[in-house]
Amino acid sequence: MKLRITWFDSALAVIILLISLMVVLPFLYIIAVSFSLPGQSMSGAFFVWPKTWTLDAYKYLLNAHTFMTSVKNSVYITALGTCVNLLVSLSLAYALSKKIMPGRKLILLFILFTMIFHGGMIPSYLVVKGLGLLDSYWAIVLPAASSAFNILVIRTFFQSLPESLDEAARIDGAGEFRILFSIVLPLSKPIIATFTLFFMVQYWNEFFSAVIYINDTTRWPIQPLLRQMVAISSSNISADAALDAQMAANLGPNVQNAAILLAMLPVVVVYPFLQKYFAQGAMLGSIKE
């Protein structure tokens, strides 16, 4: 059979192509500026292909103490936050998925309550301050250790697993921890990979909590530093302890865009390894027959 292409198909293909270009071209421009000379990027002499290719911006950033410190801070916060989130979300969701757990409905009601009502920024700040977490990485990790949405989705996934597996394990003498680590978690790779990606992106892109809870700028992750780099180069604020004096003096469009690309790189590298689980895990945890 011959495939018949109508005018609607052609128009739809054109629209999709235009939307794709709107998404891709800004990234191509950022890449081009980051590999160009400062004078060429500021004069607007090119769009997606630099006249002169250079790695000066990347060499400068990789040798900048402030930038590399912020990258290390982001790596530590992301690793710590992802592990804590997975531990809290998986363990609580597993417990709530079991009918034998006492007070399960009441705990679930409290979790659902947090989806509707929230204390707000000032009470949250007072709690973090009262716990003595200011100027520490725990101030970023613990307040976002889990969420009602994540727990409910993972709980739904656990409930979709056959109960006969648990019953067979209990007959063989396995306890709840043995069932969780030997049976449930190996069967939960799609949902674990999906939420691992969610948590990594969440903590790597963390900005607001770092600005609110961390006064010591040497502990800032990469996102607040990027914001300050753009603001300094735009003459909106003056350079302070968050940036080295030399970095503040040498900021240009090529350095800014190189910093943006380096900040995006970890997520871009990790995503392909988790992509095969992503769609499957999201669907399995969202719908329960």
C-alpha atoms as a PDB file:
ATOM      1  CA  MET A   1       0.000   0.000   0.000  1.00  0.00           C
ATOM      2  CA  LYS A   2       1.210   3.461  -0.882  1.00  0.00           C
ATOM      3  CA  LEU A   3       1.411   5.931   1.948  1.00  0.00           C
ATOM      4  CA  ARG A   4      -0.802   8.903   1.133  1.00  0.00           C
ATOM      5  CA  ILE A   5       0.430  12.219   2.490  1.00  0.00           C
ATOM      6  CA  THR A   6      -2.297  14.829   2.861  1.00  0.00           C
ATOM      7  CA  TRP A   7      -1.951  18.580   3.188  1.00  0.00           C
ATOM      8  CA  PHE A   8      -2.748  18.233   6.893  1.00  0.00           C
ATOM      9  CA  ASP A   9       0.218  15.869   7.364  1.00  0.00           C
ATOM     10  CA  SER A  10       2.478  18.304   5.551  1.00  0.00           C
ATOM     11  CA  ALA A  11       1.266  21.259   7.619  1.00  0.00           C
ATOM     12  CA  LEU A  12       1.692  19.270  10.815  1.00  0.00           C
ATOM     13  CA  ALA A  13       5.251  18.299   9.830  1.00  0.00           C
ATOM     14  CA  VAL A  14       6.099  21.955   9.167  1.00  0.00           C
ATOM     15  CA  ILE A  15       4.681  23.027  12.519  1.00  0.00           C
ATOM     16  CA  ILE A  16       6.626  20.308  14.357  1.00  0.00           C
ATOM     17  CA  LEU A  17       9.791  21.306  12.504  1.00  0.00           C
ATOM     18  CA  LEU A  18       9.342  24.971  13.475  1.00  0.00           C
ATOM     19  CA  ILE A  19       8.740  24.070  17.120  1.00  0.00           C
ATOM     20  CA  SER A  20      11.815  21.811  17.087  1.00  0.00           C
ATOM     21  CA  LEU A  21      13.924  24.640  15.670  1.00  0.00           C
ATOM     22  CA  MET A  22      12.631  26.983  18.376  1.00  0.00           C
ATOM     23  CA  VAL A  23      13.878  24.487  20.965  1.00  0.00           C
ATOM     24  CA  VAL A  24      17.168  23.486  19.329  1.00  0.00           C
ATOM     25  CA  LEU A  25      18.451  26.832  18.009  1.00  0.00           C
ATOM     26  CA  PRO A  26      18.929  28.461  21.448  1.00  0.00           C
ATOM     27  CA  PHE A  27      21.065  25.493  22.523  1.00  0.00           C
ATOM     28  CA  LEU A  28      23.097  25.693  19.323  1.00  0.00           C
ATOM     29  CA  TYR A  29      23.620  29.391  19.935  1.00  0.00           C
ATOM     30  CA  ILE A  30      24.800  28.757  23.512  1.00  0.00           C
ATOM     31  CA  ILE A  31      27.253  26.127  22.261  1.00  0.00           C
ATOM     32  CA  ALA A  32      28.540  28.430  19.525  1.00  0.00           C
ATOM     33  CA  VAL A  33      29.057  31.369  21.886  1.00  0.00           C
ATOM     34  CA  SER A  34      30.863  29.206  24.435  1.00  0.00           C
ATOM     35  CA  PHE A  35      33.406  28.097  21.812  1.00  0.00           C
ATOM     36  CA  SER A  36      33.929  31.570  20.325  1.00  0.00           C
ATOM     37  CA  LEU A  37      36.162  34.505  21.142  1.00  0.00           C
ATOM     38  CA  PRO A  38      34.669  37.170  23.445  1.00  0.00           C
ATOM     39  CA  GLY A  39      34.833  39.910  20.851  1.00  0.00           C
ATOM     40  CA  GLN A  40      33.072  37.883  18.185  1.00  0.00           C
ATOM     41  CA  SER A  41      30.269  36.765  20.486  1.00  0.00           C
ATOM     42  CA  MET A  42      29.585  40.292  21.740  1.00  0.00           C
ATOM     43  CA  SER A  43      29.544  41.793  18.242  1.00  0.00           C
ATOM     44  CA  GLY A  44      26.936  39.312  17.017  1.00  0.00           C
ATOM     45  CA  ALA A  45      29.053  38.316  14.022  1.00  0.00           C
ATOM     46  CA  PHE A  46      27.613  34.769  13.945  1.00  0.00           C
ATOM     47  CA  PHE A  47      24.628  32.756  15.143  1.00  0.00           C
ATOM     48  CA  VAL A  48      25.189  28.996  15.347  1.00  0.00           C
ATOM     49  CA  TRP A  49      28.700  28.623  13.941  1.00  0.00           C
ATOM     50  CA  PRO A  50      31.643  30.550  15.468  1.00  0.00           C
ATOM     51  CA  LYS A  51      34.109  32.235  13.155  1.00  0.00           C
ATOM     52  CA  THR A  52      36.981  31.118  15.393  1.00  0.00           C
ATOM     53  CA  TRP A  53      36.771  28.030  17.581  1.00  0.00           C
ATOM     54  CA  THR A  54      38.489  28.212  20.968  1.00  0.00           C
ATOM     55  CA  LEU A  55      38.421  26.407  24.313  1.00  0.00           C
ATOM     56  CA  ASP A  56      39.545  29.445  26.309  1.00  0.00           C
ATOM     57  CA  ALA A  57      36.226  29.798  28.178  1.00  0.00           C
ATOM     58  CA  TYR A  58      36.250  26.153  29.287  1.00  0.00           C
ATOM     59  CA  LYS A  59      39.917  26.269  30.297  1.00  0.00           C
ATOM     60  CA  TYR A  60      39.208  29.409  32.287  1.00  0.00           C
ATOM     61  CA  LEU A  61      36.252  27.886  34.146  1.00  0.00           C
ATOM     62  CA  LEU A  62      38.006  24.591  34.879  1.00  0.00           C
ATOM     63  CA  ASN A  63      40.862  26.555  36.467  1.00  0.00           C
ATOM     64  CA  ALA A  64      38.566  28.931  38.392  1.00  0.00           C
ATOM     65  CA  HIS A  65      38.503  28.010  42.083  1.00  0.00           C
ATOM     66  CA  THR A  66      35.048  29.446  42.791  1.00  0.00           C
ATOM     67  CA  PHE A  67      33.359  27.682  39.886  1.00  0.00           C
ATOM     68  CA  MET A  68      34.923  24.282  40.581  1.00  0.00           C
ATOM     69  CA  THR A  69      34.049  24.577  44.284  1.00  0.00           C
ATOM     70  CA  SER A  70      30.406  25.176  43.395  1.00  0.00           C
ATOM     71  CA  VAL A  71      30.462  22.155  41.081  1.00  0.00           C
ATOM     72  CA  LYS A  72      31.828  19.974  43.894  1.00  0.00           C
ATOM     73  CA  ASN A  73      29.132  21.318  46.217  1.00  0.00           C
ATOM     74  CA  SER A  74      26.436  20.456  43.664  1.00  0.00           C
ATOM     75  CA  VAL A  75      27.811  16.941  43.182  1.00  0.00           C
ATOM     76  CA  TYR A  76      27.825  16.341  46.939  1.00  0.00           C
ATOM     77  CA  ILE A  77      24.315  17.774  47.455  1.00  0.00           C
ATOM     78  CA  THR A  78      22.941  15.797  44.502  1.00  0.00           C
ATOM     79  CA  ALA A  79      24.458  12.495  45.645  1.00  0.00           C
ATOM     80  CA  LEU A  80      23.413  12.977  49.262  1.00  0.00           C
ATOM     81  CA  GLY A  81      19.933  14.242  48.423  1.00  0.00           C
ATOM     82  CA  THR A  82      19.226  11.476  45.911  1.00  0.00           C
ATOM     83  CA  CYS A  83      20.235   8.747  48.386  1.00  0.00           C
ATOM     84  CA  VAL A  84      18.176  10.274  51.207  1.00  0.00           C
ATOM     85  CA  ASN A  85      15.149  10.767  48.937  1.00  0.00           C
ATOM     86  CA  LEU A  86      15.282   7.193  47.674  1.00  0.00           C
ATOM     87  CA  LEU A  87      15.693   5.796  51.186  1.00  0.00           C
ATOM     88  CA  VAL A  88      12.771   7.769  52.631  1.00  0.00           C
ATOM     89  CA  SER A  89      10.424   7.441  49.650  1.00  0.00           C
ATOM     90  CA  LEU A  90      10.975   3.726  49.006  1.00  0.00           C
ATOM     91  CA  SER A  91      10.772   2.647  52.637  1.00  0.00           C
ATOM     92  CA  LEU A  92       7.667   4.723  53.438  1.00  0.00           C
ATOM     93  CA  ALA A  93       5.905   3.801  50.196  1.00  0.00           C
ATOM     94  CA  TYR A  94       6.592   0.107  50.805  1.00  0.00           C
ATOM     95  CA  ALA A  95       5.214   0.295  54.339  1.00  0.00           C
ATOM     96  CA  LEU A  96       2.076   2.119  53.165  1.00  0.00           C
ATOM     97  CA  SER A  97       1.494  -0.455  50.433  1.00  0.00           C
ATOM     98  CA  LYS A  98       1.024  -3.230  53.013  1.00  0.00           C
ATOM     99  CA  LYS A  99      -2.437  -3.681  54.535  1.00  0.00           C
ATOM    100  CA  ILE A 100      -0.972  -5.217  57.682  1.00  0.00           C
ATOM    101  CA  MET A 101       0.738  -1.958  58.706  1.00  0.00           C
ATOM    102  CA  PRO A 102      -1.031  -0.438  61.745  1.00  0.00           C
ATOM    103  CA  GLY A 103      -2.271   3.146  61.283  1.00  0.00           C
ATOM    104  CA  ARG A 104      -1.671   2.998  57.541  1.00  0.00           C
ATOM    105  CA  LYS A 105      -4.778   4.995  56.610  1.00  0.00           C
ATOM    106  CA  LEU A 106      -4.075   7.709  59.175  1.00  0.00           C
ATOM    107  CA  ILE A 107      -0.468   8.140  57.991  1.00  0.00           C
ATOM    108  CA  LEU A 108      -1.672   8.229  54.393  1.00  0.00           C
ATOM    109  CA  LEU A 109      -4.199  10.923  55.340  1.00  0.00           C
ATOM    110  CA  PHE A 110      -1.431  13.054  56.872  1.00  0.00           C
ATOM    111  CA  ILE A 111       0.629  12.660  53.694  1.00  0.00           C
ATOM    112  CA  LEU A 112      -2.310  13.654  51.501  1.00  0.00           C
ATOM    113  CA  PHE A 113      -2.887  16.681  53.758  1.00  0.00           C
ATOM    114  CA  THR A 114       0.561  18.031  52.850  1.00  0.00           C
ATOM    115  CA  MET A 115      -0.397  18.045  49.157  1.00  0.00           C
ATOM    116  CA  ILE A 116      -3.089  20.640  49.877  1.00  0.00           C
ATOM    117  CA  PHE A 117      -1.683  22.686  52.755  1.00  0.00           C
ATOM    118  CA  HIS A 118       1.865  23.912  53.243  1.00  0.00           C
ATOM    119  CA  GLY A 119       3.411  25.885  56.062  1.00  0.00           C
ATOM    120  CA  GLY A 120       5.016  28.452  53.777  1.00  0.00           C
ATOM    121  CA  MET A 121       8.474  29.914  53.432  1.00  0.00           C
ATOM    122  CA  ILE A 122       8.793  31.692  56.801  1.00  0.00           C
ATOM    123  CA  PRO A 123       7.713  28.722  58.978  1.00  0.00           C
ATOM    124  CA  SER A 124       9.994  26.466  56.938  1.00  0.00           C
ATOM    125  CA  TYR A 125      12.910  28.837  57.507  1.00  0.00           C
ATOM    126  CA  LEU A 126      12.184  28.981  61.254  1.00  0.00           C
ATOM    127  CA  VAL A 127      12.128  25.173  61.450  1.00  0.00           C
ATOM    128  CA  VAL A 128      15.439  24.873  59.589  1.00  0.00           C
ATOM    129  CA  LYS A 129      16.966  27.559  61.792  1.00  0.00           C
ATOM    130  CA  GLY A 130      15.597  25.964  64.963  1.00  0.00           C
ATOM    131  CA  LEU A 131      17.175  22.644  64.011  1.00  0.00           C
ATOM    132  CA  GLY A 132      20.550  24.345  63.546  1.00  0.00           C
ATOM    133  CA  LEU A 133      20.787  23.429  59.859  1.00  0.00           C
ATOM    134  CA  LEU A 134      21.580  26.873  58.452  1.00  0.00           C
ATOM    135  CA  ASP A 135      24.783  27.035  56.388  1.00  0.00           C
ATOM    136  CA  SER A 136      24.818  23.253  55.989  1.00  0.00           C
ATOM    137  CA  TYR A 137      23.967  20.965  53.090  1.00  0.00           C
ATOM    138  CA  TRP A 138      21.307  19.291  55.229  1.00  0.00           C
ATOM    139  CA  ALA A 139      19.272  22.490  55.026  1.00  0.00           C
ATOM    140  CA  ILE A 140      18.812  21.752  51.319  1.00  0.00           C
ATOM    141  CA  VAL A 141      18.459  17.970  51.575  1.00  0.00           C
ATOM    142  CA  LEU A 142      16.186  17.337  54.565  1.00  0.00           C
ATOM    143  CA  PRO A 143      13.289  19.746  53.788  1.00  0.00           C
ATOM    144  CA  ALA A 144      12.962  18.066  50.374  1.00  0.00           C
ATOM    145  CA  ALA A 145      13.662  14.533  51.611  1.00  0.00           C
ATOM    146  CA  SER A 146      10.369  13.350  50.138  1.00  0.00           C
ATOM    147  CA  SER A 147       7.015  14.528  48.854  1.00  0.00           C
ATOM    148  CA  ALA A 148       3.477  13.228  48.958  1.00  0.00           C
ATOM    149  CA  PHE A 149       3.328  12.830  45.191  1.00  0.00           C
ATOM    150  CA  ASN A 150       6.476  10.689  45.040  1.00  0.00           C
ATOM    151  CA  ILE A 151       5.336   8.466  47.901  1.00  0.00           C
ATOM    152  CA  LEU A 152       1.893   7.914  46.379  1.00  0.00           C
ATOM    153  CA  VAL A 153       3.260   7.037  42.951  1.00  0.00           C
ATOM    154  CA  ILE A 154       5.821   4.576  44.345  1.00  0.00           C
ATOM    155  CA  ARG A 155       3.176   3.107  46.685  1.00  0.00           C
ATOM    156  CA  THR A 156       0.885   2.517  43.718  1.00  0.00           C
ATOM    157  CA  PHE A 157       3.715   0.722  41.924  1.00  0.00           C
ATOM    158  CA  PHE A 158       4.395  -1.529  44.923  1.00  0.00           C
ATOM    159  CA  GLN A 159       0.696  -2.365  45.153  1.00  0.00           C
ATOM    160  CA  SER A 160       0.737  -3.472  41.507  1.00  0.00           C
ATOM    161  CA  LEU A 161       3.257  -6.235  42.284  1.00  0.00           C
ATOM    162  CA  PRO A 162       1.695  -9.688  42.803  1.00  0.00           C
ATOM    163  CA  GLU A 163       0.944 -10.402  46.468  1.00  0.00           C
ATOM    164  CA  SER A 164       1.747 -14.073  45.846  1.00  0.00           C
ATOM    165  CA  LEU A 165       5.450 -13.179  45.797  1.00  0.00           C
ATOM    166  CA  ASP A 166       5.257 -11.778  49.325  1.00  0.00           C
ATOM    167  CA  GLU A 167       3.214 -14.725  50.543  1.00  0.00           C
ATOM    168  CA  ALA A 168       5.670 -17.251  49.121  1.00  0.00           C
ATOM    169  CA  ALA A 169       8.586 -15.401  50.738  1.00  0.00           C
ATOM    170  CA  ARG A 170       6.841 -15.305  54.117  1.00  0.00           C
ATOM    171  CA  ILE A 171       6.137 -19.043  53.906  1.00  0.00           C
ATOM    172  CA  ASP A 172       9.894 -19.539  53.397  1.00  0.00           C
ATOM    173  CA  GLY A 173      10.537 -17.511  56.553  1.00  0.00           C
ATOM    174  CA  ALA A 174      11.546 -14.155  55.024  1.00  0.00           C
ATOM    175  CA  GLY A 175      10.881 -10.980  56.989  1.00  0.00           C
ATOM    176  CA  GLU A 176       9.770  -7.620  55.637  1.00  0.00           C
ATOM    177  CA  PHE A 177      13.317  -6.330  55.136  1.00  0.00           C
ATOM    178  CA  ARG A 178      14.309  -9.491  53.277  1.00  0.00           C
ATOM    179  CA  ILE A 179      11.202  -9.241  51.085  1.00  0.00           C
ATOM    180  CA  LEU A 180      11.897  -5.584  50.354  1.00  0.00           C
ATOM    181  CA  PHE A 181      15.565  -5.975  49.407  1.00  0.00           C
ATOM    182  CA  SER A 182      15.444  -9.422  47.782  1.00  0.00           C
ATOM    183  CA  ILE A 183      12.113  -9.357  45.956  1.00  0.00           C
ATOM    184  CA  VAL A 184      10.464  -5.938  45.759  1.00  0.00           C
ATOM    185  CA  LEU A 185      13.435  -3.698  44.917  1.00  0.00           C
ATOM    186  CA  PRO A 186      14.857  -5.967  42.152  1.00  0.00           C
ATOM    187  CA  LEU A 187      11.421  -5.868  40.507  1.00  0.00           C
ATOM    188  CA  SER A 188      11.214  -2.094  40.925  1.00  0.00           C
ATOM    189  CA  LYS A 189      14.089  -1.011  38.691  1.00  0.00           C
ATOM    190  CA  PRO A 190      11.868   1.091  36.373  1.00  0.00           C
ATOM    191  CA  ILE A 191      10.325   3.155  39.172  1.00  0.00           C
ATOM    192  CA  ILE A 192      13.661   3.466  41.020  1.00  0.00           C
ATOM    193  CA  ALA A 193      15.443   4.655  37.864  1.00  0.00           C
ATOM    194  CA  THR A 194      12.649   7.121  37.123  1.00  0.00           C
ATOM    195  CA  PHE A 195      12.704   8.750  40.539  1.00  0.00           C
ATOM    196  CA  THR A 196      16.492   8.653  40.707  1.00  0.00           C
ATOM    197  CA  LEU A 197      16.491  10.854  37.627  1.00  0.00           C
ATOM    198  CA  PHE A 198      13.813  13.107  39.161  1.00  0.00           C
ATOM    199  CA  PHE A 199      15.770  13.515  42.398  1.00  0.00           C
ATOM    200  CA  MET A 200      19.074  14.131  40.631  1.00  0.00           C
ATOM    201  CA  VAL A 201      17.597  16.865  38.453  1.00  0.00           C
ATOM    202  CA  GLN A 202      15.821  18.372  41.471  1.00  0.00           C
ATOM    203  CA  TYR A 203      18.954  18.689  43.594  1.00  0.00           C
ATOM    204  CA  TRP A 204      21.300  19.595  40.747  1.00  0.00           C
ATOM    205  CA  ASN A 205      19.022  22.499  39.786  1.00  0.00           C
ATOM    206  CA  GLU A 206      18.476  23.584  43.400  1.00  0.00           C
ATOM    207  CA  PHE A 207      18.600  27.372  43.647  1.00  0.00           C
ATOM    208  CA  PHE A 208      16.037  28.852  46.019  1.00  0.00           C
ATOM    209  CA  SER A 209      16.823  26.743  49.092  1.00  0.00           C
ATOM    210  CA  ALA A 210      20.555  27.382  48.701  1.00  0.00           C
ATOM    211  CA  VAL A 211      20.030  31.153  48.596  1.00  0.00           C
ATOM    212  CA  ILE A 212      17.640  31.111  51.573  1.00  0.00           C
ATOM    213  CA  TYR A 213      19.416  28.692  53.907  1.00  0.00           C
ATOM    214  CA  ILE A 214      23.117  29.043  53.026  1.00  0.00           C
ATOM    215  CA  ASN A 215      24.779  32.362  53.835  1.00  0.00           C
ATOM    216  CA  ASP A 216      28.308  31.056  53.301  1.00  0.00           C
ATOM    217  CA  THR A 217      28.748  31.515  49.544  1.00  0.00           C
ATOM    218  CA  THR A 218      31.634  29.037  49.465  1.00  0.00           C
ATOM    219  CA  ARG A 219      29.008  26.337  50.089  1.00  0.00           C
ATOM    220  CA  TRP A 220      26.754  27.436  47.254  1.00  0.00           C
ATOM    221  CA  PRO A 221      25.898  24.884  44.543  1.00  0.00           C
ATOM    222  CA  ILE A 222      26.282  25.702  40.860  1.00  0.00           C
ATOM    223  CA  GLN A 223      22.869  27.303  40.193  1.00  0.00           C
ATOM    224  CA  PRO A 224      23.178  30.334  42.542  1.00  0.00           C
ATOM    225  CA  LEU A 225      26.684  30.916  41.211  1.00  0.00           C
ATOM    226  CA  LEU A 226      25.403  30.894  37.614  1.00  0.00           C
ATOM    227  CA  ARG A 227      22.765  33.441  38.562  1.00  0.00           C
ATOM    228  CA  GLN A 228      25.405  35.674  40.081  1.00  0.00           C
ATOM    229  CA  MET A 229      27.692  35.315  37.080  1.00  0.00           C
ATOM    230  CA  VAL A 230      24.917  36.543  34.796  1.00  0.00           C
ATOM    231  CA  ALA A 231      23.977  39.354  37.179  1.00  0.00           C
ATOM    232  CA  ILE A 232      27.559  40.585  37.559  1.00  0.00           C
ATOM    233  CA  SER A 233      28.163  40.612  33.826  1.00  0.00           C
ATOM    234  CA  SER A 234      24.874  42.488  33.386  1.00  0.00           C
ATOM    235  CA  SER A 235      25.980  45.099  35.954  1.00  0.00           C
ATOM    236  CA  ASN A 236      22.916  44.392  38.097  1.00  0.00           C
ATOM    237  CA  ILE A 237      24.912  43.610  41.228  1.00  0.00           C
ATOM    238  CA  SER A 238      28.510  43.978  42.276  1.00  0.00           C
ATOM    239  CA  ALA A 239      30.992  41.155  42.717  1.00  0.00           C
ATOM    240  CA  ASP A 240      31.222  39.767  46.241  1.00  0.00           C
ATOM    241  CA  ALA A 241      32.595  36.700  47.967  1.00  0.00           C
ATOM    242  CA  ALA A 242      30.643  34.380  45.687  1.00  0.00           C
ATOM    243  CA  LEU A 243      32.988  35.143  42.795  1.00  0.00           C
ATOM    244  CA  ASP A 244      36.709  35.560  42.569  1.00  0.00           C
ATOM    245  CA  ALA A 245      37.706  39.084  41.606  1.00  0.00           C
ATOM    246  CA  GLN A 246      39.453  37.792  38.488  1.00  0.00           C
ATOM    247  CA  MET A 247      36.399  35.783  37.437  1.00  0.00           C
ATOM    248  CA  ALA A 248      34.121  38.783  37.908  1.00  0.00           C
ATOM    249  CA  ALA A 249      36.458  40.929  35.820  1.00  0.00           C
ATOM    250  CA  ASN A 250      36.744  38.426  32.985  1.00  0.00           C
ATOM    251  CA  LEU A 251      33.118  37.400  32.661  1.00  0.00           C
ATOM    252  CA  GLY A 252      31.825  37.578  29.114  1.00  0.00           C
ATOM    253  CA  PRO A 253      29.171  35.880  26.992  1.00  0.00           C
ATOM    254  CA  ASN A 254      31.526  33.019  26.122  1.00  0.00           C
ATOM    255  CA  VAL A 255      32.309  32.303  29.792  1.00  0.00           C
ATOM    256  CA  GLN A 256      28.646  32.561  30.772  1.00  0.00           C
ATOM    257  CA  ASN A 257      27.487  30.120  28.104  1.00  0.00           C
ATOM    258  CA  ALA A 258      30.338  27.730  28.812  1.00  0.00           C
ATOM    259  CA  ALA A 259      29.297  27.707  32.473  1.00  0.00           C
ATOM    260  CA  ILE A 260      25.682  26.985  31.464  1.00  0.00           C
ATOM    261  CA  LEU A 261      26.760  24.035  29.311  1.00  0.00           C
ATOM    262  CA  LEU A 262      29.007  22.619  32.030  1.00  0.00           C
ATOM    263  CA  ALA A 263      26.136  22.899  34.504  1.00  0.00           C
ATOM    264  CA  MET A 264      23.854  20.995  32.118  1.00  0.00           C
ATOM    265  CA  LEU A 265      26.403  18.295  31.320  1.00  0.00           C
ATOM    266  CA  PRO A 266      25.880  15.873  34.281  1.00  0.00           C
ATOM    267  CA  VAL A 267      22.128  15.534  33.688  1.00  0.00           C
ATOM    268  CA  VAL A 268      22.641  15.168  29.932  1.00  0.00           C
ATOM    269  CA  VAL A 269      25.210  12.411  30.515  1.00  0.00           C
ATOM    270  CA  VAL A 270      23.118  10.466  33.047  1.00  0.00           C
ATOM    271  CA  TYR A 271      19.774  10.664  31.232  1.00  0.00           C
ATOM    272  CA  PRO A 272      20.572   8.219  28.355  1.00  0.00           C
ATOM    273  CA  PHE A 273      21.427   5.464  30.850  1.00  0.00           C
ATOM    274  CA  LEU A 274      18.050   5.837  32.612  1.00  0.00           C
ATOM    275  CA  GLN A 275      15.929   6.619  29.560  1.00  0.00           C
ATOM    276  CA  LYS A 276      14.883   3.004  28.911  1.00  0.00           C
ATOM    277  CA  TYR A 277      13.329   2.831  32.380  1.00  0.00           C
ATOM    278  CA  PHE A 278      11.850   6.324  32.341  1.00  0.00           C
ATOM    279  CA  ALA A 279       8.590   5.903  30.404  1.00  0.00           C
ATOM    280  CA  GLN A 280       7.919   2.441  31.807  1.00  0.00           C
ATOM    281  CA  GLY A 281       8.440   3.519  35.405  1.00  0.00           C
ATOM    282  CA  ALA A 282       6.311   6.647  35.099  1.00  0.00           C
ATOM    283  CA  MET A 283       3.363   4.715  33.628  1.00  0.00           C
ATOM    284  CA  LEU A 284       3.569   1.772  36.034  1.00  0.00           C
ATOM    285  CA  GLY A 285       3.545   4.052  39.044  1.00  0.00           C
ATOM    286  CA  SER A 286       0.747   6.296  37.799  1.00  0.00           C
ATOM    287  CA  ILE A 287      -1.963   3.769  36.921  1.00  0.00           C
ATOM    288  CA  LYS A 288      -3.211   0.847  38.983  1.00  0.00           C
ATOM    289  CA  GLU A 289      -5.727  -1.569  37.596  1.00  0.00           C
END
